[in-house]
């Protein structure tokens, strides 16, 4: 399984990055959070704050998004989206 992250400004994707989730005994949410740590470094983003809603969205829909209220410092984009994708194609 892979995690796809993209930075969206308005309706346009300005940067994106995909990485493979590690196999482990941790929960899906914890695996996504660990992968997102690497992703935000590659995309040169501050790490967003996870709310309960983000965890629920990942578990139910396989995707979630982060807006300005998820970041301590100002960001210059509309949202940061992450989505689980099947790498078995």
Protein backbone atom coordinates (compact mmCIF):
# COMPACT_ATOMS: atom_id res chain seq x y z
CA UNK A 1 0.00 0.00 0.00
CA UNK A 2 1.20 3.50 -0.77
CA UNK A 3 0.54 6.95 0.61
CA UNK A 4 0.05 9.77 -1.89
CA UNK A 5 0.38 13.32 -0.64
CA UNK A 6 -0.31 16.49 -2.56
CA UNK A 7 -0.20 20.20 -1.90
CA UNK A 8 -3.17 21.99 -3.42
CA UNK A 9 -3.37 25.72 -4.12
CA UNK A 10 -6.90 26.67 -5.13
CA UNK A 11 -7.93 23.78 -7.39
CA UNK A 12 -4.45 23.01 -8.66
CA UNK A 13 -1.95 20.44 -7.39
CA UNK A 14 1.38 22.24 -7.04
CA UNK A 15 3.51 19.43 -5.56
CA UNK A 16 3.04 15.75 -4.81
CA UNK A 17 4.92 12.80 -3.40
CA UNK A 18 4.20 9.07 -3.11
CA UNK A 19 5.82 6.55 -0.80
CA UNK A 20 5.27 2.96 0.29
CA UNK A 21 3.89 2.31 3.76
CA UNK A 22 6.00 0.03 5.90
CA UNK A 23 4.61 -3.33 6.97
CA UNK A 24 4.40 -3.53 10.74
CA UNK A 25 2.21 -4.48 13.66
CA UNK A 26 1.21 -0.85 14.21
CA UNK A 27 -2.28 0.38 13.39
CA UNK A 28 -2.98 1.83 9.96
CA UNK A 29 -3.24 5.34 11.38
CA UNK A 30 0.16 5.04 13.12
CA UNK A 31 1.75 3.69 9.90
CA UNK A 32 0.29 6.62 7.93
CA UNK A 33 1.55 9.11 10.52
CA UNK A 34 5.06 7.63 10.37
CA UNK A 35 5.04 7.77 6.56
CA UNK A 36 3.72 11.31 6.63
CA UNK A 37 6.75 12.37 8.73
CA UNK A 38 8.97 11.42 5.79
CA UNK A 39 6.56 12.94 3.28
CA UNK A 40 6.46 16.38 4.88
CA UNK A 41 10.27 16.43 4.96
CA UNK A 42 10.42 15.63 1.22
CA UNK A 43 7.78 18.26 0.44
CA UNK A 44 9.41 20.79 2.80
CA UNK A 45 6.24 21.25 4.88
CA UNK A 46 5.72 21.72 8.60
CA UNK A 47 4.17 18.65 10.22
CA UNK A 48 0.41 19.12 10.56
CA UNK A 49 -1.48 18.47 13.77
CA UNK A 50 -3.68 15.37 13.64
CA UNK A 51 -7.22 15.78 14.88
CA UNK A 52 -9.55 12.88 15.69
CA UNK A 53 -11.37 13.65 12.44
CA UNK A 54 -8.18 12.97 10.43
CA UNK A 55 -7.81 9.54 12.04
CA UNK A 56 -11.45 8.71 11.34
CA UNK A 57 -11.16 9.87 7.71
CA UNK A 58 -8.09 7.66 7.12
CA UNK A 59 -9.77 4.63 8.68
CA UNK A 60 -13.12 5.08 6.88
CA UNK A 61 -12.26 6.76 3.57
CA UNK A 62 -8.52 6.12 3.17
CA UNK A 63 -7.86 9.84 2.79
CA UNK A 64 -7.79 13.06 4.79
CA UNK A 65 -6.80 16.68 4.32
CA UNK A 66 -5.09 19.36 6.36
CA UNK A 67 -5.86 23.09 6.25
CA UNK A 68 -4.27 26.15 7.87
CA UNK A 69 -5.80 25.28 11.26
CA UNK A 70 -3.74 22.04 11.27
CA UNK A 71 -0.46 23.95 11.19
CA UNK A 72 1.16 26.06 13.91
CA UNK A 73 2.91 28.33 11.44
CA UNK A 74 1.33 29.99 8.39
CA UNK A 75 1.27 27.95 5.18
CA UNK A 76 0.95 29.32 1.67
CA UNK A 77 -1.37 26.74 0.13
CA UNK A 78 -5.05 25.84 0.38
CA UNK A 79 -4.69 22.29 1.71
CA UNK A 80 -2.43 19.29 2.04
CA UNK A 81 -4.15 16.01 1.14
CA UNK A 82 -3.02 12.46 1.79
CA UNK A 83 -4.62 9.35 0.35
CA UNK A 84 -3.98 5.63 0.56
CA UNK A 85 -3.56 4.00 -2.83
CA UNK A 86 -3.16 0.37 -3.79
CA UNK A 87 0.30 -0.25 -5.22
CA UNK A 88 -0.69 -3.60 -6.76
CA UNK A 89 -1.29 -2.39 -10.30
